[in-house]
PDB file of N, CA and C in Angstrom:
ATOM      1  N   UNK A   1       9.682   7.081   2.390  1.00  0.00           N
ATOM      2  CA  UNK A   1       9.211   6.900   3.742  1.00  0.00           C
ATOM      3  C   UNK A   1       9.938   5.713   4.365  1.00  0.00           C
ATOM      4  N   UNK A   2      10.452   5.904   5.554  1.00  0.00           N
ATOM      5  CA  UNK A   2      11.173   4.865   6.266  1.00  0.00           C
ATOM      6  C   UNK A   2      10.166   3.952   6.954  1.00  0.00           C
ATOM      7  N   UNK A   3      10.391   2.656   6.839  1.00  0.00           N
ATOM      8  CA  UNK A   3       9.476   1.658   7.415  1.00  0.00           C
ATOM      9  C   UNK A   3      10.225   0.726   8.354  1.00  0.00           C
ATOM     10  N   UNK A   4       9.530   0.327   9.408  1.00  0.00           N
ATOM     11  CA  UNK A   4       9.986  -0.772  10.252  1.00  0.00           C
ATOM     12  C   UNK A   4       9.257  -2.003   9.731  1.00  0.00           C
ATOM     13  N   UNK A   5      10.016  -3.082   9.545  1.00  0.00           N
ATOM     14  CA  UNK A   5       9.439  -4.295   8.972  1.00  0.00           C
ATOM     15  C   UNK A   5       9.767  -5.491   9.858  1.00  0.00           C
ATOM     16  N   UNK A   6       8.851  -6.462   9.851  1.00  0.00           N
ATOM     17  CA  UNK A   6       9.014  -7.640  10.690  1.00  0.00           C
ATOM     18  C   UNK A   6       8.854  -8.898   9.847  1.00  0.00           C
ATOM     19  N   UNK A   7       9.800  -9.819  10.043  1.00  0.00           N
ATOM     20  CA  UNK A   7       9.726 -11.144   9.428  1.00  0.00           C
ATOM     21  C   UNK A   7       9.734 -12.164  10.548  1.00  0.00           C
ATOM     22  N   UNK A   8       9.145 -13.322  10.269  1.00  0.00           N
ATOM     23  CA  UNK A   8       9.071 -14.400  11.260  1.00  0.00           C
ATOM     24  C   UNK A   8       9.590 -15.679  10.626  1.00  0.00           C
ATOM     25  N   UNK A   9      10.393 -16.426  11.389  1.00  0.00           N
ATOM     26  CA  UNK A   9      10.844 -17.734  10.913  1.00  0.00           C
ATOM     27  C   UNK A   9       9.665 -18.693  10.886  1.00  0.00           C
ATOM     28  N   UNK A  10       9.618 -19.507   9.846  1.00  0.00           N
ATOM     29  CA  UNK A  10       8.557 -20.507   9.697  1.00  0.00           C
ATOM     30  C   UNK A  10       8.808 -21.646  10.676  1.00  0.00           C
ATOM     31  N   UNK A  11       7.784 -21.986  11.457  1.00  0.00           N
ATOM     32  CA  UNK A  11       7.867 -23.134  12.362  1.00  0.00           C
ATOM     33  C   UNK A  11       6.479 -23.729  12.566  1.00  0.00           C
ATOM     34  N   UNK A  12       6.368 -24.671  13.479  1.00  0.00           N
ATOM     35  CA  UNK A  12       5.101 -25.392  13.666  1.00  0.00           C
ATOM     36  C   UNK A  12       4.012 -24.561  14.337  1.00  0.00           C
ATOM     37  N   UNK A  13       4.341 -23.393  14.865  1.00  0.00           N
ATOM     38  CA  UNK A  13       3.358 -22.536  15.531  1.00  0.00           C
ATOM     39  C   UNK A  13       2.805 -21.437  14.623  1.00  0.00           C
ATOM     40  N   UNK A  14       2.969 -21.600  13.362  1.00  0.00           N
ATOM     41  CA  UNK A  14       2.597 -20.579  12.386  1.00  0.00           C
ATOM     42  C   UNK A  14       1.161 -20.078  12.559  1.00  0.00           C
ATOM     43  N   UNK A  15       0.224 -20.963  12.854  1.00  0.00           N
ATOM     44  CA  UNK A  15      -1.174 -20.546  12.987  1.00  0.00           C
ATOM     45  C   UNK A  15      -1.381 -19.610  14.178  1.00  0.00           C
ATOM     46  N   UNK A  16      -0.636 -19.806  15.255  1.00  0.00           N
ATOM     47  CA  UNK A  16      -0.700 -18.882  16.402  1.00  0.00           C
ATOM     48  C   UNK A  16      -0.245 -17.490  15.967  1.00  0.00           C
ATOM     49  N   UNK A  17       0.806 -17.455  15.185  1.00  0.00           N
ATOM     50  CA  UNK A  17       1.359 -16.177  14.742  1.00  0.00           C
ATOM     51  C   UNK A  17       0.392 -15.455  13.801  1.00  0.00           C
ATOM     52  N   UNK A  18      -0.250 -16.235  12.950  1.00  0.00           N
ATOM     53  CA  UNK A  18      -1.190 -15.654  11.983  1.00  0.00           C
ATOM     54  C   UNK A  18      -2.302 -14.914  12.706  1.00  0.00           C
ATOM     55  N   UNK A  19      -2.845 -15.514  13.758  1.00  0.00           N
ATOM     56  CA  UNK A  19      -3.953 -14.865  14.471  1.00  0.00           C
ATOM     57  C   UNK A  19      -3.496 -13.577  15.147  1.00  0.00           C
ATOM     58  N   UNK A  20      -2.285 -13.544  15.650  1.00  0.00           N
ATOM     59  CA  UNK A  20      -1.761 -12.325  16.275  1.00  0.00           C
ATOM     60  C   UNK A  20      -1.554 -11.237  15.233  1.00  0.00           C
ATOM     61  N   UNK A  21      -0.961 -11.590  14.115  1.00  0.00           N
ATOM     62  CA  UNK A  21      -0.696 -10.611  13.054  1.00  0.00           C
ATOM     63  C   UNK A  21      -2.001 -10.096  12.464  1.00  0.00           C
ATOM     64  N   UNK A  22      -2.946 -10.994  12.290  1.00  0.00           N
ATOM     65  CA  UNK A  22      -4.228 -10.636  11.668  1.00  0.00           C
ATOM     66  C   UNK A  22      -4.969  -9.564  12.465  1.00  0.00           C
ATOM     67  N   UNK A  23      -4.770  -9.502  13.767  1.00  0.00           N
ATOM     68  CA  UNK A  23      -5.423  -8.504  14.604  1.00  0.00           C
ATOM     69  C   UNK A  23      -4.968  -7.090  14.261  1.00  0.00           C
ATOM     70  N   UNK A  24      -3.805  -6.957  13.631  1.00  0.00           N
ATOM     71  CA  UNK A  24      -3.234  -5.638  13.392  1.00  0.00           C
ATOM     72  C   UNK A  24      -3.107  -5.240  11.928  1.00  0.00           C
ATOM     73  N   UNK A  25      -3.608  -6.055  11.036  1.00  0.00           N
ATOM     74  CA  UNK A  25      -3.654  -5.642   9.633  1.00  0.00           C
ATOM     75  C   UNK A  25      -4.768  -6.390   8.911  1.00  0.00           C
ATOM     76  N   UNK A  26      -5.123  -5.918   7.761  1.00  0.00           N
ATOM     77  CA  UNK A  26      -6.246  -6.485   7.029  1.00  0.00           C
ATOM     78  C   UNK A  26      -5.865  -7.554   6.028  1.00  0.00           C
ATOM     79  N   UNK A  27      -4.663  -8.076   6.140  1.00  0.00           N
ATOM     80  CA  UNK A  27      -4.181  -9.069   5.195  1.00  0.00           C
ATOM     81  C   UNK A  27      -4.842 -10.415   5.478  1.00  0.00           C
ATOM     82  N   UNK A  28      -5.102 -11.163   4.426  1.00  0.00           N
ATOM     83  CA  UNK A  28      -5.779 -12.459   4.585  1.00  0.00           C
ATOM     84  C   UNK A  28      -4.892 -13.470   5.306  1.00  0.00           C
ATOM     85  N   UNK A  29      -5.528 -14.459   5.875  1.00  0.00           N
ATOM     86  CA  UNK A  29      -4.811 -15.515   6.580  1.00  0.00           C
ATOM     87  C   UNK A  29      -3.847 -16.223   5.642  1.00  0.00           C
ATOM     88  N   UNK A  30      -4.317 -16.520   4.440  1.00  0.00           N
ATOM     89  CA  UNK A  30      -3.464 -17.212   3.469  1.00  0.00           C
ATOM     90  C   UNK A  30      -2.234 -16.389   3.108  1.00  0.00           C
ATOM     91  N   UNK A  31      -2.420 -15.086   2.950  1.00  0.00           N
ATOM     92  CA  UNK A  31      -1.287 -14.233   2.599  1.00  0.00           C
ATOM     93  C   UNK A  31      -0.272 -14.159   3.741  1.00  0.00           C
ATOM     94  N   UNK A  32      -0.753 -14.081   4.967  1.00  0.00           N
ATOM     95  CA  UNK A  32       0.152 -14.062   6.113  1.00  0.00           C
ATOM     96  C   UNK A  32       0.933 -15.374   6.182  1.00  0.00           C
ATOM     97  N   UNK A  33       0.233 -16.501   6.033  1.00  0.00           N
ATOM     98  CA  UNK A  33       0.904 -17.803   6.045  1.00  0.00           C
ATOM     99  C   UNK A  33       1.957 -17.886   4.944  1.00  0.00           C
ATOM    100  N   UNK A  34       1.607 -17.428   3.757  1.00  0.00           N
ATOM    101  CA  UNK A  34       2.533 -17.459   2.623  1.00  0.00           C
ATOM    102  C   UNK A  34       3.753 -16.577   2.901  1.00  0.00           C
ATOM    103  N   UNK A  35       3.518 -15.394   3.495  1.00  0.00           N
ATOM    104  CA  UNK A  35       4.634 -14.502   3.810  1.00  0.00           C
ATOM    105  C   UNK A  35       5.584 -15.123   4.829  1.00  0.00           C
ATOM    106  N   UNK A  36       5.036 -15.829   5.814  1.00  0.00           N
ATOM    107  CA  UNK A  36       5.891 -16.520   6.788  1.00  0.00           C
ATOM    108  C   UNK A  36       6.681 -17.610   6.089  1.00  0.00           C
ATOM    109  N   UNK A  37       6.000 -18.429   5.298  1.00  0.00           N
ATOM    110  CA  UNK A  37       6.655 -19.538   4.607  1.00  0.00           C
ATOM    111  C   UNK A  37       7.732 -19.057   3.633  1.00  0.00           C
ATOM    112  N   UNK A  38       7.491 -17.922   2.973  1.00  0.00           N
ATOM    113  CA  UNK A  38       8.434 -17.404   1.976  1.00  0.00           C
ATOM    114  C   UNK A  38       9.453 -16.433   2.565  1.00  0.00           C
ATOM    115  N   UNK A  39       9.457 -16.286   3.896  1.00  0.00           N
ATOM    116  CA  UNK A  39      10.362 -15.376   4.595  1.00  0.00           C
ATOM    117  C   UNK A  39      10.218 -13.936   4.096  1.00  0.00           C
ATOM    118  N   UNK A  40       8.972 -13.531   3.889  1.00  0.00           N
ATOM    119  CA  UNK A  40       8.670 -12.156   3.495  1.00  0.00           C
ATOM    120  C   UNK A  40       8.183 -11.369   4.709  1.00  0.00           C
ATOM    121  N   UNK A  41       8.097 -10.066   4.549  1.00  0.00           N
ATOM    122  CA  UNK A  41       7.625  -9.186   5.615  1.00  0.00           C
ATOM    123  C   UNK A  41       6.174  -9.525   5.946  1.00  0.00           C
ATOM    124  N   UNK A  42       5.876  -9.663   7.248  1.00  0.00           N
ATOM    125  CA  UNK A  42       4.511  -9.963   7.681  1.00  0.00           C
ATOM    126  C   UNK A  42       3.832  -8.754   8.303  1.00  0.00           C
ATOM    127  N   UNK A  43       4.626  -7.767   8.707  1.00  0.00           N
ATOM    128  CA  UNK A  43       4.066  -6.584   9.346  1.00  0.00           C
ATOM    129  C   UNK A  43       5.030  -5.420   9.151  1.00  0.00           C
ATOM    130  N   UNK A  44       4.474  -4.231   8.915  1.00  0.00           N
ATOM    131  CA  UNK A  44       5.326  -3.056   8.800  1.00  0.00           C
ATOM    132  C   UNK A  44       4.601  -1.831   9.321  1.00  0.00           C
ATOM    133  N   UNK A  45       5.384  -0.825   9.674  1.00  0.00           N
ATOM    134  CA  UNK A  45       4.799   0.429  10.143  1.00  0.00           C
ATOM    135  C   UNK A  45       5.729   1.581   9.807  1.00  0.00           C
ATOM    136  N   UNK A  46       5.205   2.781   9.903  1.00  0.00           N
ATOM    137  CA  UNK A  46       5.953   3.994   9.630  1.00  0.00           C
ATOM    138  C   UNK A  46       6.932   4.266  10.773  1.00  0.00           C
ATOM    139  N   UNK A  47       8.164   4.515  10.435  1.00  0.00           N
ATOM    140  CA  UNK A  47       9.248   4.770  11.375  1.00  0.00           C
ATOM    141  C   UNK A  47       8.976   5.977  12.270  1.00  0.00           C
ATOM    142  N   UNK A  48       8.260   6.961  11.762  1.00  0.00           N
ATOM    143  CA  UNK A  48       8.072   8.224  12.462  1.00  0.00           C
ATOM    144  C   UNK A  48       6.749   8.335  13.216  1.00  0.00           C
ATOM    145  N   UNK A  49       5.882   7.342  13.145  1.00  0.00           N
ATOM    146  CA  UNK A  49       4.570   7.381  13.794  1.00  0.00           C
ATOM    147  C   UNK A  49       4.613   6.616  15.114  1.00  0.00           C
ATOM    148  N   UNK A  50       4.663   7.355  16.210  1.00  0.00           N
ATOM    149  CA  UNK A  50       4.822   6.750  17.527  1.00  0.00           C
ATOM    150  C   UNK A  50       3.697   5.769  17.853  1.00  0.00           C
ATOM    151  N   UNK A  51       2.457   6.132  17.564  1.00  0.00           N
ATOM    152  CA  UNK A  51       1.341   5.233  17.874  1.00  0.00           C
ATOM    153  C   UNK A  51       1.427   3.939  17.067  1.00  0.00           C
ATOM    154  N   UNK A  52       1.802   4.050  15.803  1.00  0.00           N
ATOM    155  CA  UNK A  52       1.981   2.847  14.978  1.00  0.00           C
ATOM    156  C   UNK A  52       3.111   1.985  15.530  1.00  0.00           C
ATOM    157  N   UNK A  53       4.190   2.627  15.950  1.00  0.00           N
ATOM    158  CA  UNK A  53       5.322   1.889  16.512  1.00  0.00           C
ATOM    159  C   UNK A  53       4.928   1.153  17.787  1.00  0.00           C
ATOM    160  N   UNK A  54       4.108   1.788  18.615  1.00  0.00           N
ATOM    161  CA  UNK A  54       3.661   1.145  19.849  1.00  0.00           C
ATOM    162  C   UNK A  54       2.821  -0.091  19.546  1.00  0.00           C
ATOM    163  N   UNK A  55       1.929   0.014  18.579  1.00  0.00           N
ATOM    164  CA  UNK A  55       1.115  -1.130  18.177  1.00  0.00           C
ATOM    165  C   UNK A  55       1.997  -2.228  17.566  1.00  0.00           C
ATOM    166  N   UNK A  56       2.947  -1.816  16.746  1.00  0.00           N
ATOM    167  CA  UNK A  56       3.899  -2.729  16.121  1.00  0.00           C
ATOM    168  C   UNK A  56       4.679  -3.486  17.197  1.00  0.00           C
ATOM    169  N   UNK A  57       5.165  -2.763  18.207  1.00  0.00           N
ATOM    170  CA  UNK A  57       5.928  -3.378  19.292  1.00  0.00           C
ATOM    171  C   UNK A  57       5.055  -4.344  20.089  1.00  0.00           C
ATOM    172  N   UNK A  58       3.820  -3.957  20.346  1.00  0.00           N
ATOM    173  CA  UNK A  58       2.905  -4.829  21.081  1.00  0.00           C
ATOM    174  C   UNK A  58       2.709  -6.154  20.333  1.00  0.00           C
ATOM    175  N   UNK A  59       2.520  -6.063  19.028  1.00  0.00           N
ATOM    176  CA  UNK A  59       2.364  -7.267  18.208  1.00  0.00           C
ATOM    177  C   UNK A  59       3.647  -8.090  18.217  1.00  0.00           C
ATOM    178  N   UNK A  60       4.779  -7.426  18.071  1.00  0.00           N
ATOM    179  CA  UNK A  60       6.063  -8.111  18.073  1.00  0.00           C
ATOM    180  C   UNK A  60       6.281  -8.833  19.413  1.00  0.00           C
ATOM    181  N   UNK A  61       5.962  -8.166  20.515  1.00  0.00           N
ATOM    182  CA  UNK A  61       6.103  -8.793  21.837  1.00  0.00           C
ATOM    183  C   UNK A  61       5.170  -9.995  21.989  1.00  0.00           C
ATOM    184  N   UNK A  62       3.953  -9.886  21.464  1.00  0.00           N
ATOM    185  CA  UNK A  62       3.004 -11.003  21.528  1.00  0.00           C
ATOM    186  C   UNK A  62       3.530 -12.196  20.733  1.00  0.00           C
ATOM    187  N   UNK A  63       4.107 -11.926  19.579  1.00  0.00           N
ATOM    188  CA  UNK A  63       4.674 -13.002  18.758  1.00  0.00           C
ATOM    189  C   UNK A  63       5.831 -13.679  19.481  1.00  0.00           C
ATOM    190  N   UNK A  64       6.693 -12.883  20.068  1.00  0.00           N
ATOM    191  CA  UNK A  64       7.843 -13.432  20.789  1.00  0.00           C
ATOM    192  C   UNK A  64       7.366 -14.266  21.979  1.00  0.00           C
ATOM    193  N   UNK A  65       6.329 -13.800  22.667  1.00  0.00           N
ATOM    194  CA  UNK A  65       5.816 -14.544  23.828  1.00  0.00           C
ATOM    195  C   UNK A  65       5.216 -15.893  23.412  1.00  0.00           C
ATOM    196  N   UNK A  66       4.792 -16.011  22.167  1.00  0.00           N
ATOM    197  CA  UNK A  66       4.250 -17.278  21.657  1.00  0.00           C
ATOM    198  C   UNK A  66       5.345 -18.152  21.048  1.00  0.00           C
ATOM    199  N   UNK A  67       6.599 -17.691  21.123  1.00  0.00           N
ATOM    200  CA  UNK A  67       7.710 -18.512  20.652  1.00  0.00           C
ATOM    201  C   UNK A  67       8.235 -18.180  19.272  1.00  0.00           C
ATOM    202  N   UNK A  68       7.747 -17.123  18.683  1.00  0.00           N
ATOM    203  CA  UNK A  68       8.192 -16.769  17.329  1.00  0.00           C
ATOM    204  C   UNK A  68       9.629 -16.249  17.345  1.00  0.00           C
ATOM    205  N   UNK A  69      10.367 -16.626  16.332  1.00  0.00           N
ATOM    206  CA  UNK A  69      11.682 -16.045  16.097  1.00  0.00           C
ATOM    207  C   UNK A  69      11.473 -14.930  15.096  1.00  0.00           C
ATOM    208  N   UNK A  70      11.636 -13.693  15.565  1.00  0.00           N
ATOM    209  CA  UNK A  70      11.347 -12.531  14.734  1.00  0.00           C
ATOM    210  C   UNK A  70      12.628 -11.856  14.292  1.00  0.00           C
ATOM    211  N   UNK A  71      12.537 -11.204  13.150  1.00  0.00           N
ATOM    212  CA  UNK A  71      13.648 -10.430  12.601  1.00  0.00           C
ATOM    213  C   UNK A  71      13.104  -9.046  12.281  1.00  0.00           C
ATOM    214  N   UNK A  72      13.737  -8.042  12.860  1.00  0.00           N
ATOM    215  CA  UNK A  72      13.296  -6.665  12.729  1.00  0.00           C
ATOM    216  C   UNK A  72      14.203  -5.925  11.755  1.00  0.00           C
ATOM    217  N   UNK A  73      13.577  -5.155  10.872  1.00  0.00           N
ATOM    218  CA  UNK A  73      14.318  -4.403   9.865  1.00  0.00           C
ATOM    219  C   UNK A  73      13.888  -2.945   9.858  1.00  0.00           C
ATOM    220  N   UNK A  74      14.867  -2.069   9.704  1.00  0.00           N
ATOM    221  CA  UNK A  74      14.594  -0.665   9.379  1.00  0.00           C
ATOM    222  C   UNK A  74      14.861  -0.595   7.885  1.00  0.00           C
ATOM    223  N   UNK A  75      13.788  -0.442   7.131  1.00  0.00           N
ATOM    224  CA  UNK A  75      13.831  -0.616   5.686  1.00  0.00           C
ATOM    225  C   UNK A  75      14.426  -1.993   5.404  1.00  0.00           C
ATOM    226  N   UNK A  76      15.614  -2.087   4.820  1.00  0.00           N
ATOM    227  CA  UNK A  76      16.176  -3.400   4.478  1.00  0.00           C
ATOM    228  C   UNK A  76      17.346  -3.803   5.359  1.00  0.00           C
ATOM    229  N   UNK A  77      17.608  -3.038   6.402  1.00  0.00           N
ATOM    230  CA  UNK A  77      18.740  -3.306   7.302  1.00  0.00           C
ATOM    231  C   UNK A  77      18.219  -3.941   8.586  1.00  0.00           C
ATOM    232  N   UNK A  78      18.720  -5.134   8.909  1.00  0.00           N
ATOM    233  CA  UNK A  78      18.269  -5.800  10.133  1.00  0.00           C
ATOM    234  C   UNK A  78      18.836  -5.077  11.350  1.00  0.00           C
ATOM    235  N   UNK A  79      17.970  -4.891  12.352  1.00  0.00           N
ATOM    236  CA  UNK A  79      18.351  -4.204  13.585  1.00  0.00           C
ATOM    237  C   UNK A  79      17.962  -5.065  14.778  1.00  0.00           C
ATOM    238  N   UNK A  80      18.470  -4.710  15.938  1.00  0.00           N
ATOM    239  CA  UNK A  80      18.162  -5.442  17.167  1.00  0.00           C
ATOM    240  C   UNK A  80      16.693  -5.257  17.540  1.00  0.00           C
ATOM    241  N   UNK A  81      16.131  -6.227  18.239  1.00  0.00           N
ATOM    242  CA  UNK A  81      14.728  -6.204  18.638  1.00  0.00           C
ATOM    243  C   UNK A  81      14.411  -4.998  19.519  1.00  0.00           C
ATOM    244  N   UNK A  82      15.334  -4.600  20.393  1.00  0.00           N
ATOM    245  CA  UNK A  82      15.076  -3.469  21.288  1.00  0.00           C
ATOM    246  C   UNK A  82      15.124  -2.115  20.570  1.00  0.00           C
ATOM    247  N   UNK A  83      15.441  -2.114  19.307  1.00  0.00           N
ATOM    248  CA  UNK A  83      15.492  -0.888  18.512  1.00  0.00           C
ATOM    249  C   UNK A  83      14.142  -0.161  18.532  1.00  0.00           C
ATOM    250  N   UNK A  84      13.055  -0.902  18.453  1.00  0.00           N
ATOM    251  CA  UNK A  84      11.722  -0.286  18.450  1.00  0.00           C
ATOM    252  C   UNK A  84      11.455   0.413  19.777  1.00  0.00           C
ATOM    253  N   UNK A  85      11.796  -0.226  20.877  1.00  0.00           N
ATOM    254  CA  UNK A  85      11.602   0.400  22.191  1.00  0.00           C
ATOM    255  C   UNK A  85      12.413   1.683  22.302  1.00  0.00           C
ATOM    256  N   UNK A  86      13.648   1.632  21.852  1.00  0.00           N
ATOM    257  CA  UNK A  86      14.504   2.822  21.893  1.00  0.00           C
ATOM    258  C   UNK A  86      13.952   3.924  20.999  1.00  0.00           C
ATOM    259  N   UNK A  87      13.433   3.550  19.857  1.00  0.00           N
ATOM    260  CA  UNK A  87      12.861   4.519  18.920  1.00  0.00           C
ATOM    261  C   UNK A  87      11.629   5.190  19.523  1.00  0.00           C
ATOM    262  N   UNK A  88      10.762   4.408  20.132  1.00  0.00           N
ATOM    263  CA  UNK A  88       9.568   4.951  20.783  1.00  0.00           C
ATOM    264  C   UNK A  88       9.976   5.921  21.894  1.00  0.00           C
ATOM    265  N   UNK A  89      10.933   5.515  22.696  1.00  0.00           N
ATOM    266  CA  UNK A  89      11.421   6.365  23.782  1.00  0.00           C
ATOM    267  C   UNK A  89      11.986   7.679  23.230  1.00  0.00           C
ATOM    268  N   UNK A  90      12.740   7.605  22.164  1.00  0.00           N
ATOM    269  CA  UNK A  90      13.291   8.817  21.541  1.00  0.00           C
ATOM    270  C   UNK A  90      12.190   9.737  21.038  1.00  0.00           C
ATOM    271  N   UNK A  91      11.197   9.164  20.386  1.00  0.00           N
ATOM    272  CA  UNK A  91      10.070   9.959  19.886  1.00  0.00           C
ATOM    273  C   UNK A  91       9.348  10.661  21.034  1.00  0.00           C
ATOM    274  N   UNK A  92       9.145   9.934  22.133  1.00  0.00           N
ATOM    275  CA  UNK A  92       8.450  10.520  23.282  1.00  0.00           C
ATOM    276  C   UNK A  92       9.276  11.621  23.933  1.00  0.00           C
ATOM    277  N   UNK A  93      10.582  11.433  24.020  1.00  0.00           N
ATOM    278  CA  UNK A  93      11.451  12.465  24.590  1.00  0.00           C
ATOM    279  C   UNK A  93      11.451  13.718  23.719  1.00  0.00           C
ATOM    280  N   UNK A  94      11.486  13.543  22.422  1.00  0.00           N
ATOM    281  CA  UNK A  94      11.444  14.678  21.504  1.00  0.00           C
ATOM    282  C   UNK A  94      10.122  15.428  21.649  1.00  0.00           C
ATOM    283  N   UNK A  95       9.022  14.678  21.759  1.00  0.00           N
ATOM    284  CA  UNK A  95       7.711  15.310  21.925  1.00  0.00           C
ATOM    285  C   UNK A  95       7.658  16.122  23.218  1.00  0.00           C
ATOM    286  N   UNK A  96       8.201  15.594  24.307  1.00  0.00           N
ATOM    287  CA  UNK A  96       8.232  16.328  25.575  1.00  0.00           C
ATOM    288  C   UNK A  96       9.068  17.592  25.451  1.00  0.00           C
ATOM    289  N   UNK A  97      10.213  17.465  24.812  1.00  0.00           N
ATOM    290  CA  UNK A  97      11.096  18.620  24.627  1.00  0.00           C
ATOM    291  C   UNK A  97      10.399  19.706  23.797  1.00  0.00           C
ATOM    292  N   UNK A  98       9.743  19.290  22.725  1.00  0.00           N
ATOM    293  CA  UNK A  98       9.041  20.255  21.869  1.00  0.00           C
ATOM    294  C   UNK A  98       7.907  20.939  22.629  1.00  0.00           C
ATOM    295  N   UNK A  99       7.209  20.191  23.481  1.00  0.00           N
ATOM    296  CA  UNK A  99       6.133  20.783  24.276  1.00  0.00           C
ATOM    297  C   UNK A  99       6.694  21.814  25.248  1.00  0.00           C
ATOM    298  N   UNK A 100       7.782  21.476  25.924  1.00  0.00           N
ATOM    299  CA  UNK A 100       8.411  22.431  26.839  1.00  0.00           C
ATOM    300  C   UNK A 100       8.876  23.676  26.101  1.00  0.00           C
ATOM    301  N   UNK A 101       9.455  23.480  24.925  1.00  0.00           N
ATOM    302  CA  UNK A 101       9.911  24.604  24.116  1.00  0.00           C
ATOM    303  C   UNK A 101       8.734  25.479  23.683  1.00  0.00           C
ATOM    304  N   UNK A 102       7.650  24.836  23.232  1.00  0.00           N
ATOM    305  CA  UNK A 102       6.440  25.586  22.850  1.00  0.00           C
ATOM    306  C   UNK A 102       5.887  26.363  24.038  1.00  0.00           C
ATOM    307  N   UNK A 103       5.834  25.717  25.226  1.00  0.00           N
ATOM    308  CA  UNK A 103       5.329  26.379  26.420  1.00  0.00           C
ATOM    309  C   UNK A 103       6.195  27.582  26.780  1.00  0.00           C
ATOM    310  N   UNK A 104       7.494  27.421  26.648  1.00  0.00           N
ATOM    311  CA  UNK A 104       8.418  28.506  26.964  1.00  0.00           C
ATOM    312  C   UNK A 104       8.237  29.668  25.990  1.00  0.00           C
ATOM    313  N   UNK A 105       8.106  29.356  24.709  1.00  0.00           N
ATOM    314  CA  UNK A 105       7.911  30.394  23.693  1.00  0.00           C
ATOM    315  C   UNK A 105       6.612  31.133  23.937  1.00  0.00           C
ATOM    316  N   UNK A 106       5.554  30.393  24.246  1.00  0.00           N
ATOM    317  CA  UNK A 106       4.250  31.027  24.484  1.00  0.00           C
ATOM    318  C   UNK A 106       4.244  31.870  25.751  1.00  0.00           C
ATOM    319  N   UNK A 107       4.986  31.448  26.767  1.00  0.00           N
ATOM    320  CA  UNK A 107       5.014  32.233  28.013  1.00  0.00           C
ATOM    321  C   UNK A 107       5.852  33.502  27.855  1.00  0.00           C
ATOM    322  N   UNK A 108       6.781  33.507  26.899  1.00  0.00           N
ATOM    323  CA  UNK A 108       7.603  34.700  26.645  1.00  0.00           C
ATOM    324  C   UNK A 108       6.850  35.764  25.887  1.00  0.00           C
ATOM    325  N   UNK A 109       5.773  35.406  25.239  1.00  0.00           N
ATOM    326  CA  UNK A 109       5.021  36.381  24.418  1.00  0.00           C
ATOM    327  C   UNK A 109       4.160  37.241  25.228  1.00  0.00           C
TER     328      UNK A 109
END
């Protein structure tokens, strides 16, 4: 399964970041702090789940707005921050196309 993963650089605003991350996963405060300090993944989601990606992006944007330096990964390959937005847009376009195709197939029957 392909995952989108997020890491955050450790800085003096770590506690602000912890509260934002904690809203979107059940990981303990101590574990989130440790993951930031050890440069480990603090948040991840399924590459193919549009709703998860939207929540992931919302959290990532909130972190960035609080001053976090974030690093985004597709599995273990670092990608640009706008990659998530492009991925969400692609998923939505595919869904629209599939709906139109389904509607066309059903109207032909």
